[in-house]
Each structure stands twice: as C-alpha cells, then as structure tokens.
Amino acid sequence: MHDKQIPSMKTAGSKLMPLSEAIERFVQSGDTVYAAGFTHLIPFAAGHEIIRQKKRDLTVVRATPDLIYDQLVAAGCVRKVIFSWAGNPGVGSLRLLRKAIEKGQLEIEEYTHFGMVMALTAGASGLPFLPLRSNIGSSLPAANPRIKEIVCPYTGQSLSTVPAINPDVAIIHAQRASLGGDTQVWGITGEQKEAAFASKRVIVTVEEIVEESTIRQNPQMTVIPGFKVQALSAVPFGAHPSYAHGYYERDNDFYVDWDKISADPARLESYLQDWVYGVRDREEYAAKLPASVRDCLFSVRATEAVAG
C-alpha cells in the first residue's frame, strides 16, 4: 500500500468520502451502472461494496464485462447486462453470467465495441443516437432490435444507428485525483471519459489523492474534471485483481483461479463470504492477501514508469 498522505479534508470543494458512503448515496437498486475500466483500473472494490450493500435489479453496462460482473451476477445484484464482449480475459467464459443468460435469468443488450463507444458518445453529447457504418450486413441487429438503420439525408447511403446510453451512475477507478475530483488516468485507457460524461452521477475511486498542484503539472492526463464527480474515494488496491498502471501488476493467477471458483458452487460461496461479505473494506481485503502476492504485484512500482 502507499504511504502518501491525503491532503487536508478541510479543503473547500472536497468530494472525498468513504466508498461505503459513496455507494450508499449514489447507487440505488434498479439503477443503470457503468463500472468502467479497460484491461486495468477495473473498479473491483466498488463492485464488492455494491454486493455488500445488497443492491438489486441493476442494469450493468460495460464494453468488456469481466470478473467483477460475474461476481455481481453471482451475488444476485444484476437484472440486465449491456455489453459488447464478455469473458474471463485469457481464460474463457464468464461461467456465472453465461449460465444466467442461458437460463433466461438475465436480459442482455449487445453491441460491437465501436457501437458501445458511439452509444456512450451520443449520451455524453446529449444526442438521442449516433450513426455508424458497421452492423449493416451482420446478424447483430437481429439480436439487438435497438440497433436501427436509417438513410443518410446527404448521401442516400444506408447507415446503422445506436441509441444513446445514459447510465444513472458511472464508477471509475483511476490512478489519482485531487480532492476536488479532477481525475487522472494514464496507461491503457478505455471509455472512462465517455461513460462519465454520459452518466447522471459519477463515483471515482483512486489509488491516491494528490494536491491540485500535482494535477496541474500534467493536465493532459486529466480525463474527468471535478465538476462531473459527485463522490471521490481513496481506495488503494481498488482495482485488484486487475492492475493499475504504475502502481501494481495484474494478478493473473486469480483470473485462472476464478474459472475454477465459479464452476464450483461451494467454492463460489466460500469466496464471496471470505473476500466480499467477510471484509469491511478494501483495506481489510488487501491485508488478507498473502505477502508473497502483494510483493509480486507491487514490484512493478520500482520498474514501471509513473507520471510525475
């Protein structure tokens, strides 16, 4: 864990609050929730807090749902999934999500990756839809009737359209932010910015809180401005088992183990009890990890470039 001190909470305009409070206040049962992240910075800590608070009937949205969505489904939090690809990266299927879909227990709304980003961009832009050239000629519109076809008024060409996606809340994990919520991301980025601007509310969790002067040294890294953020929580190790570029590495062993855990109801229940319900917060979660795992994952800090 990092030893840097959080700037004084008395700073005017602070968005800082405990993650449990942020989820309680800004995520309600029945909401549409976009838990962002692409390869890294996946908000597992926030997902676990949603499970602990027993939020129900959620529509969860993300271009690439992975393990945290499998866990949310396992905990009975999810009614519908809007996505463009779902799986356990490098391992296989999300067993629990797939099983729920096959049993008719989950509604799905599927897009291409580009279609998802365009739907979010439409939402962020205040537009009802956006056109794109893809989808035409594929079977996807048959699977998702919300994908439509129009005639371009300028060229007469047939174009596909995707409807705007406007989540009730976006949850973004990032490397760092100021107390006012100016949020910086570096390394691989996904659709965090589009999701934040398309959403009615935004919760940001970060590895560390830094002074505004640090943010200003690298303004190009600020993906989400503070005025879009309703809640900010300092949650070191908040993306594990995914990684946070410049902070810790991906826990590849856990992704492999999850395939076995999710295939065994007894092991699944044990995991949820031990690692979600059985810990108060992410600090307790991190303390439970074997020292050998923490040492291996944090060794990246010494070798990987970190923003100034």
Protein backbone atom coordinates (compact mmCIF):
# COMPACT_ATOMS: atom_id res chain seq x y z
CA MET A 1 0.00 0.00 0.00
CA HIS A 2 1.15 3.59 -0.47
CA ASP A 3 2.24 5.80 2.40
CA LYS A 4 1.49 9.19 0.83
CA GLN A 5 -0.67 11.42 2.98
CA ILE A 6 -4.09 12.54 1.81
CA PRO A 7 -4.27 16.35 1.60
CA SER A 8 -6.36 18.01 4.29
CA MET A 9 -10.04 17.04 4.05
CA LYS A 10 -10.94 20.61 5.05
CA THR A 11 -10.13 21.81 1.53
CA ALA A 12 -13.10 23.67 0.08
CA GLY A 13 -14.93 21.75 -2.61
CA SER A 14 -13.71 18.34 -1.47
CA LYS A 15 -15.63 15.39 -2.94
CA LEU A 16 -13.89 12.91 -0.62
CA MET A 17 -15.95 10.34 1.27
CA PRO A 18 -15.66 6.66 2.25
CA LEU A 19 -16.51 4.25 -0.56
CA SER A 20 -19.32 2.74 1.52
CA GLU A 21 -20.97 6.17 1.75
CA ALA A 22 -20.49 6.85 -1.96
CA ILE A 23 -22.20 3.59 -2.93
CA GLU A 24 -24.98 4.07 -0.38
CA ARG A 25 -25.74 7.60 -1.59
CA PHE A 26 -25.25 7.33 -5.33
CA VAL A 27 -26.07 3.74 -6.34
CA GLN A 28 -29.67 2.67 -5.87
CA SER A 29 -31.36 -0.63 -6.60
CA GLY A 30 -32.79 -0.50 -10.12
CA ASP A 31 -30.06 1.85 -11.40
CA THR A 32 -28.13 1.54 -14.63
CA VAL A 33 -24.48 1.32 -13.57
CA TYR A 34 -21.41 1.70 -15.77
CA ALA A 35 -18.40 0.21 -13.95
CA ALA A 36 -15.65 1.33 -16.29
CA GLY A 37 -12.11 0.09 -16.90
CA PHE A 38 -10.32 -1.45 -19.84
CA THR A 39 -7.71 -4.13 -19.08
CA HIS A 40 -6.64 -2.20 -15.99
CA LEU A 41 -8.31 0.13 -13.50
CA ILE A 42 -11.37 -2.11 -13.19
CA PRO A 43 -13.33 -0.99 -10.09
CA PHE A 44 -13.44 -4.25 -8.14
CA ALA A 45 -13.54 -2.52 -4.74
CA ALA A 46 -16.66 -0.58 -5.73
CA GLY A 47 -18.24 -3.73 -7.14
CA HIS A 48 -17.64 -5.56 -3.88
CA GLU A 49 -19.20 -2.69 -1.94
CA ILE A 50 -22.29 -2.90 -4.17
CA ILE A 51 -22.50 -6.61 -3.32
CA ARG A 52 -22.09 -5.95 0.42
CA GLN A 53 -24.87 -3.37 0.34
CA LYS A 54 -27.13 -5.82 -1.49
CA LYS A 55 -28.12 -3.51 -4.34
CA ARG A 56 -30.61 -5.30 -6.59
CA ASP A 57 -32.14 -5.20 -10.10
CA LEU A 58 -29.18 -3.34 -11.59
CA THR A 59 -28.61 -2.89 -15.29
CA VAL A 60 -24.84 -3.10 -15.61
CA VAL A 61 -23.08 -1.65 -18.63
CA ARG A 62 -19.54 -2.01 -19.94
CA ALA A 63 -17.80 -2.69 -23.22
CA THR A 64 -15.84 -5.57 -21.70
CA PRO A 65 -17.52 -7.12 -18.64
CA ASP A 66 -15.13 -9.42 -16.83
CA LEU A 67 -14.85 -10.99 -13.38
CA ILE A 68 -16.49 -8.23 -11.36
CA TYR A 69 -19.66 -8.56 -13.44
CA ASP A 70 -19.57 -12.33 -12.93
CA GLN A 71 -19.37 -11.68 -9.19
CA LEU A 72 -22.21 -9.17 -9.27
CA VAL A 73 -24.36 -11.72 -11.10
CA ALA A 74 -23.41 -14.42 -8.57
CA ALA A 75 -24.47 -12.14 -5.71
CA GLY A 76 -27.91 -11.52 -7.26
CA CYS A 77 -27.35 -7.83 -7.99
CA VAL A 78 -27.98 -7.82 -11.74
CA ARG A 79 -31.13 -7.82 -13.88
CA LYS A 80 -29.67 -6.86 -17.27
CA VAL A 81 -26.26 -6.59 -18.96
CA ILE A 82 -25.46 -4.12 -21.78
CA PHE A 83 -22.13 -5.05 -23.32
CA SER A 84 -20.02 -5.68 -26.41
CA TRP A 85 -17.82 -8.55 -25.20
CA ALA A 86 -17.90 -10.61 -22.03
CA GLY A 87 -15.38 -13.11 -20.75
CA ASN A 88 -12.54 -14.01 -18.42
CA PRO A 89 -9.64 -12.47 -20.37
CA GLY A 90 -7.10 -15.06 -21.43
CA VAL A 91 -9.02 -17.86 -19.70
CA GLY A 92 -12.51 -18.34 -21.15
CA SER A 93 -16.15 -17.61 -20.44
CA LEU A 94 -17.73 -15.87 -17.50
CA ARG A 95 -19.41 -19.02 -16.25
CA LEU A 96 -21.97 -17.40 -13.97
CA LEU A 97 -23.04 -14.68 -16.36
CA ARG A 98 -23.30 -17.17 -19.22
CA LYS A 99 -25.30 -19.62 -17.11
CA ALA A 100 -27.73 -16.89 -16.06
CA ILE A 101 -28.23 -15.80 -19.68
CA GLU A 102 -28.80 -19.39 -20.83
CA LYS A 103 -31.38 -19.88 -18.09
CA GLY A 104 -33.21 -16.71 -19.09
CA GLN A 105 -32.39 -15.04 -15.76
CA LEU A 106 -30.56 -12.08 -17.33
CA GLU A 107 -31.61 -9.69 -20.07
CA ILE A 108 -28.85 -8.75 -22.49
CA GLU A 109 -28.29 -5.91 -24.96
CA GLU A 110 -25.25 -6.49 -27.18
CA TYR A 111 -23.23 -4.10 -29.34
CA THR A 112 -19.86 -4.07 -31.04
CA HIS A 113 -17.04 -2.32 -29.17
CA PHE A 114 -17.32 0.64 -31.51
CA GLY A 115 -21.09 0.62 -31.15
CA MET A 116 -20.80 0.80 -27.36
CA VAL A 117 -18.41 3.75 -27.52
CA MET A 118 -20.69 5.52 -30.02
CA ALA A 119 -23.73 4.92 -27.79
CA LEU A 120 -21.87 6.45 -24.85
CA THR A 121 -20.64 9.31 -27.02
CA ALA A 122 -24.22 10.03 -28.03
CA GLY A 123 -25.22 10.04 -24.37
CA ALA A 124 -22.32 12.30 -23.45
CA SER A 125 -23.19 14.68 -26.30
CA GLY A 126 -26.87 14.99 -25.45
CA LEU A 127 -27.86 13.25 -28.69
CA PRO A 128 -30.55 10.56 -28.98
CA PHE A 129 -28.39 8.35 -31.23
CA LEU A 130 -25.33 8.32 -33.48
CA PRO A 131 -24.85 6.72 -36.90
CA LEU A 132 -22.09 4.32 -37.88
CA ARG A 133 -21.20 2.19 -40.88
CA SER A 134 -20.77 -1.09 -39.02
CA ASN A 135 -23.58 -3.52 -38.08
CA ILE A 136 -25.13 -3.45 -41.57
CA GLY A 137 -24.79 -6.89 -43.11
CA SER A 138 -24.21 -8.55 -39.75
CA SER A 139 -26.64 -10.55 -37.61
CA LEU A 140 -26.24 -8.20 -34.64
CA PRO A 141 -29.33 -6.05 -35.40
CA ALA A 142 -31.42 -9.22 -35.27
CA ALA A 143 -30.06 -9.93 -31.79
CA ASN A 144 -30.46 -6.33 -30.63
CA PRO A 145 -33.57 -4.57 -32.02
CA ARG A 146 -32.36 -1.25 -30.57
CA ILE A 147 -29.85 -1.13 -33.42
CA LYS A 148 -31.68 0.60 -36.28
CA GLU A 149 -30.99 1.53 -39.89
CA ILE A 150 -31.55 4.94 -41.50
CA VAL A 151 -30.95 6.58 -44.86
CA CYS A 152 -28.36 9.35 -44.77
CA PRO A 153 -30.09 12.62 -45.80
CA TYR A 154 -26.91 13.81 -47.52
CA THR A 155 -25.67 10.75 -49.43
CA GLY A 156 -28.61 8.37 -49.56
CA GLN A 157 -26.44 5.66 -48.02
CA SER A 158 -27.83 3.20 -45.50
CA LEU A 159 -26.36 3.72 -42.05
CA SER A 160 -26.70 1.84 -38.80
CA THR A 161 -27.58 3.70 -35.60
CA VAL A 162 -27.12 3.02 -31.91
CA PRO A 163 -29.21 4.69 -29.19
CA ALA A 164 -27.66 6.90 -26.55
CA ILE A 165 -26.65 5.20 -23.32
CA ASN A 166 -27.08 7.42 -20.26
CA PRO A 167 -26.25 5.47 -17.10
CA ASP A 168 -27.58 6.60 -13.75
CA VAL A 169 -24.08 6.29 -12.35
CA ALA A 170 -20.59 5.69 -13.69
CA ILE A 171 -17.94 4.21 -11.42
CA ILE A 172 -14.38 4.98 -12.47
CA HIS A 173 -11.19 3.70 -10.87
CA ALA A 174 -8.13 5.83 -11.62
CA GLN A 175 -4.58 6.31 -10.53
CA ARG A 176 -5.06 9.63 -8.78
CA ALA A 177 -7.28 12.65 -8.28
CA SER A 178 -7.37 15.93 -6.41
CA LEU A 179 -9.81 16.46 -3.56
CA GLY A 180 -12.00 18.41 -5.96
CA GLY A 181 -12.33 15.33 -8.17
CA ASP A 182 -10.04 16.19 -11.09
CA THR A 183 -9.17 12.64 -12.11
CA GLN A 184 -6.09 11.46 -13.97
CA VAL A 185 -5.63 8.22 -15.91
CA TRP A 186 -2.59 7.00 -17.84
CA GLY A 187 -1.56 3.77 -19.48
CA ILE A 188 -4.24 1.94 -21.43
CA THR A 189 -7.45 3.95 -21.46
CA GLY A 190 -10.89 2.79 -22.42
CA GLU A 191 -14.21 4.59 -22.48
CA GLN A 192 -13.97 6.11 -18.99
CA LYS A 193 -14.36 9.69 -20.22
CA GLU A 194 -17.39 8.92 -22.41
CA ALA A 195 -19.03 6.93 -19.61
CA ALA A 196 -18.51 9.72 -17.09
CA PHE A 197 -19.91 12.44 -19.33
CA ALA A 198 -22.87 10.28 -20.35
CA SER A 199 -23.85 9.49 -16.76
CA LYS A 200 -26.06 11.37 -14.34
CA ARG A 201 -23.74 10.71 -11.40
CA VAL A 202 -20.04 9.80 -11.19
CA ILE A 203 -18.18 7.97 -8.43
CA VAL A 204 -14.38 7.98 -8.69
CA THR A 205 -12.13 5.65 -6.71
CA VAL A 206 -8.38 6.22 -6.84
CA GLU A 207 -5.10 4.75 -5.74
CA GLU A 208 -4.15 8.07 -4.16
CA ILE A 209 -5.32 11.61 -3.55
CA VAL A 210 -2.84 14.29 -4.56
CA GLU A 211 -2.54 18.05 -4.34
CA GLU A 212 -4.10 20.17 -7.06
CA SER A 213 -0.60 21.36 -7.96
CA THR A 214 0.34 17.78 -8.88
CA ILE A 215 -2.68 17.54 -11.18
CA ARG A 216 -1.71 20.80 -12.85
CA GLN A 217 1.79 19.53 -13.64
CA ASN A 218 0.27 17.06 -16.13
CA PRO A 219 -3.11 18.48 -17.17
CA GLN A 220 -3.20 16.28 -20.28
CA MET A 221 -3.76 13.27 -18.02
CA THR A 222 -6.97 14.67 -16.54
CA VAL A 223 -9.69 12.51 -18.09
CA ILE A 224 -12.58 13.52 -15.83
CA PRO A 225 -12.89 17.08 -14.48
CA GLY A 226 -14.03 17.57 -10.93
CA PHE A 227 -17.31 19.22 -11.86
CA LYS A 228 -18.54 15.84 -13.21
CA VAL A 229 -17.72 13.97 -9.99
CA GLN A 230 -20.22 13.54 -7.15
CA ALA A 231 -18.08 11.30 -4.94
CA LEU A 232 -14.37 10.56 -4.59
CA SER A 233 -12.94 7.73 -2.52
CA ALA A 234 -9.33 6.88 -1.79
CA VAL A 235 -9.16 3.11 -2.34
CA PRO A 236 -5.58 1.84 -2.73
CA PHE A 237 -5.51 -1.56 -4.45
CA GLY A 238 -9.06 -0.85 -5.57
CA ALA A 239 -8.61 -2.49 -8.99
CA HIS A 240 -7.22 -5.85 -7.83
CA PRO A 241 -7.15 -8.46 -9.35
CA SER A 242 -6.84 -6.23 -12.41
CA TYR A 243 -3.93 -3.81 -12.38
CA ALA A 244 -3.28 -0.10 -12.04
CA HIS A 245 -0.55 1.05 -14.39
CA GLY A 246 2.39 2.37 -12.37
CA TYR A 247 1.05 1.01 -9.07
CA TYR A 248 0.72 -2.79 -9.20
CA GLU A 249 0.59 -5.63 -11.69
CA ARG A 250 -2.31 -7.81 -12.81
CA ASP A 251 -2.94 -10.86 -10.63
CA ASN A 252 -3.01 -13.38 -13.47
CA ASP A 253 -3.21 -16.33 -11.08
CA PHE A 254 -6.52 -15.11 -9.72
CA TYR A 255 -8.06 -14.87 -13.19
CA VAL A 256 -7.13 -18.52 -13.74
CA ASP A 257 -8.40 -19.49 -10.29
CA TRP A 258 -11.72 -17.71 -10.85
CA ASP A 259 -12.58 -20.15 -13.61
CA LYS A 260 -12.41 -22.96 -11.05
CA ILE A 261 -14.10 -20.96 -8.29
CA SER A 262 -17.04 -20.01 -10.49
CA ALA A 263 -17.50 -23.61 -11.62
CA ASP A 264 -17.94 -24.88 -8.04
CA PRO A 265 -20.93 -23.55 -6.03
CA ALA A 266 -19.24 -24.34 -2.71
CA ARG A 267 -16.01 -22.56 -3.67
CA LEU A 268 -18.00 -19.63 -5.02
CA GLU A 269 -19.93 -19.22 -1.78
CA SER A 270 -16.69 -19.51 0.19
CA TYR A 271 -15.05 -16.83 -1.94
CA LEU A 272 -17.94 -14.39 -1.51
CA GLN A 273 -18.06 -14.97 2.24
CA ASP A 274 -14.28 -14.69 2.74
CA TRP A 275 -13.37 -11.91 0.31
CA VAL A 276 -16.51 -9.79 -0.05
CA TYR A 277 -19.00 -10.16 2.81
CA GLY A 278 -16.30 -11.13 5.28
CA VAL A 279 -14.23 -7.96 4.93
CA ARG A 280 -15.30 -4.46 5.89
CA ASP A 281 -13.50 -2.63 3.11
CA ARG A 282 -10.66 -2.81 0.60
CA GLU A 283 -8.04 -2.24 3.31
CA GLU A 284 -9.10 -5.44 5.07
CA TYR A 285 -9.24 -7.20 1.70
CA ALA A 286 -5.66 -6.21 0.86
CA ALA A 287 -4.45 -7.22 4.32
CA LYS A 288 -5.81 -10.74 3.73
CA LEU A 289 -3.72 -11.26 0.60
CA PRO A 290 -0.60 -13.35 1.16
CA ALA A 291 2.55 -11.27 1.47
CA SER A 292 4.05 -13.13 -1.47
CA VAL A 293 1.17 -11.98 -3.69
CA ARG A 294 1.40 -8.36 -2.55
CA ASP A 295 5.17 -8.30 -3.01
CA CYS A 296 4.90 -9.70 -6.52
CA LEU A 297 2.17 -7.32 -7.62
CA PHE A 298 3.76 -4.24 -6.11
CA SER A 299 7.21 -4.98 -7.55
CA VAL A 300 6.02 -3.19 -10.68
CA ARG A 301 6.23 0.11 -8.81
CA ALA A 302 10.04 0.02 -8.92
CA THR A 303 10.34 -0.73 -12.63
CA GLU A 304 7.35 0.85 -14.37
CA ALA A 305 7.25 4.49 -15.42
CA VAL A 306 5.00 6.61 -13.22
CA ALA A 307 3.66 10.05 -14.08
CA GLY A 308 5.39 12.99 -12.45
